[in-house]
Amino acid sequence: MAFFPHAEEGRGAGGALARGESYVPGRAGARIYFHVPDIHAALCRAVEAGGVVLYPVTEVGSFGCVAEVGDMEGNCIALRSAEKASR
C-alpha cells in the first residue's frame, strides 16, 4: 500500500493506493487527475519508474494541460498541470 499523506495546514487531498483481491487494475474506470506543478517532469519520472505514456501531454484550453500514464499493473493515472504544454 502506498500512502499520500495530507498536511492539516496544507492544500490537497490525502489518500492511499491499495491492492486487494477485489481490486482489478484497468483503464476502463473513472479517471482521477493528480495536479502536478511540472507535468513533463512528472511524466518523465513515471516512465523512468516503468510506466508507459497512454495519452501525451495535451493542452486543454484555459484548464492547462493533461496527460495519462499507465503503471506496471495496468492502472491509468491522469495528470494535470495549470501550465501550458510548452515543451
Protein backbone atom coordinates (compact mmCIF):
# COMPACT_ATOMS: atom_id res chain seq x y z
CA MET A 1 0.00 0.00 0.00
CA ALA A 2 1.22 3.49 -0.83
CA PHE A 3 0.11 6.45 1.27
CA PHE A 4 -0.36 10.04 0.16
CA PRO A 5 -0.29 11.94 3.46
CA HIS A 6 -2.24 15.15 3.92
CA ALA A 7 -0.81 18.02 5.94
CA GLU A 8 -3.54 19.66 8.03
CA GLU A 9 -2.16 23.12 7.22
CA GLY A 10 -1.56 22.28 3.56
CA ARG A 11 -3.68 22.03 0.46
CA GLY A 12 -4.72 18.96 -1.47
CA ALA A 13 -6.09 15.56 -0.63
CA GLY A 14 -4.52 12.66 1.16
CA GLY A 15 -5.21 9.03 0.37
CA ALA A 16 -3.72 5.67 -0.43
CA LEU A 17 -3.16 3.27 -3.30
CA ALA A 18 -4.20 -0.21 -2.24
CA ARG A 19 -4.10 -3.73 -3.63
CA GLY A 20 -6.57 -6.47 -2.75
CA GLU A 21 -8.40 -9.47 -4.15
CA SER A 22 -11.47 -7.41 -5.07
CA TYR A 23 -9.46 -4.66 -6.84
CA VAL A 24 -8.91 -5.16 -10.56
CA PRO A 25 -6.36 -2.90 -12.27
CA GLY A 26 -7.52 -1.40 -15.52
CA ARG A 27 -8.15 1.56 -17.77
CA ALA A 28 -11.94 1.25 -18.10
CA GLY A 29 -12.93 3.10 -14.91
CA ALA A 30 -13.07 6.72 -13.84
CA ARG A 31 -10.01 8.95 -14.06
CA ILE A 32 -8.77 10.84 -11.04
CA TYR A 33 -6.42 13.64 -12.02
CA PHE A 34 -3.43 14.46 -9.83
CA HIS A 35 -2.29 18.06 -10.01
CA VAL A 36 1.45 18.38 -10.62
CA PRO A 37 3.48 21.59 -10.90
CA ASP A 38 5.52 20.30 -13.89
CA ILE A 39 3.64 17.75 -15.99
CA HIS A 40 6.62 16.97 -18.21
CA ALA A 41 8.86 16.17 -15.23
CA ALA A 42 6.11 14.04 -13.62
CA LEU A 43 5.59 12.10 -16.85
CA CYS A 44 9.35 11.51 -17.19
CA ARG A 45 9.57 10.22 -13.60
CA ALA A 46 6.67 7.84 -14.24
CA VAL A 47 8.28 6.44 -17.39
CA GLU A 48 11.66 6.08 -15.65
CA ALA A 49 9.88 4.07 -12.95
CA GLY A 50 8.45 1.64 -15.53
CA GLY A 51 5.24 3.38 -16.61
CA VAL A 52 4.12 3.96 -20.17
CA VAL A 53 2.61 7.11 -21.69
CA LEU A 54 -1.03 6.40 -22.61
CA TYR A 55 -2.03 9.96 -23.51
CA PRO A 56 0.70 12.52 -24.23
CA VAL A 57 0.79 15.99 -22.72
CA THR A 58 -2.10 17.86 -24.35
CA GLU A 59 -3.33 21.40 -23.81
CA VAL A 60 -6.97 21.70 -22.77
CA GLY A 61 -7.64 25.41 -23.14
CA SER A 62 -7.64 27.55 -20.01
CA PHE A 63 -7.56 24.37 -17.89
CA GLY A 64 -3.82 23.95 -18.63
CA CYS A 65 -2.68 20.53 -19.85
CA VAL A 66 -3.29 16.87 -19.09
CA ALA A 67 -1.55 13.53 -19.68
CA GLU A 68 -2.11 9.90 -18.72
CA VAL A 69 0.40 7.24 -17.77
CA GLY A 70 -0.09 3.51 -17.26
CA ASP A 71 1.60 1.91 -14.30
CA MET A 72 3.17 -1.55 -14.23
CA GLU A 73 -0.10 -3.13 -13.02
CA GLY A 74 -2.25 -1.71 -15.82
CA ASN A 75 -3.79 1.22 -13.97
CA CYS A 76 -4.24 4.57 -15.68
CA ILE A 77 -3.02 7.60 -13.75
CA ALA A 78 -4.08 11.01 -15.03
CA LEU A 79 -2.01 14.15 -14.52
CA ARG A 80 -3.00 17.81 -14.78
CA SER A 81 -0.93 20.98 -14.72
CA ALA A 82 -2.09 24.59 -14.84
CA GLU A 83 0.88 25.47 -17.05
CA LYS A 84 0.67 25.35 -20.83
CA ALA A 85 2.35 22.45 -22.64
CA SER A 86 5.29 24.46 -23.97
CA ARG A 87 7.86 21.67 -24.42
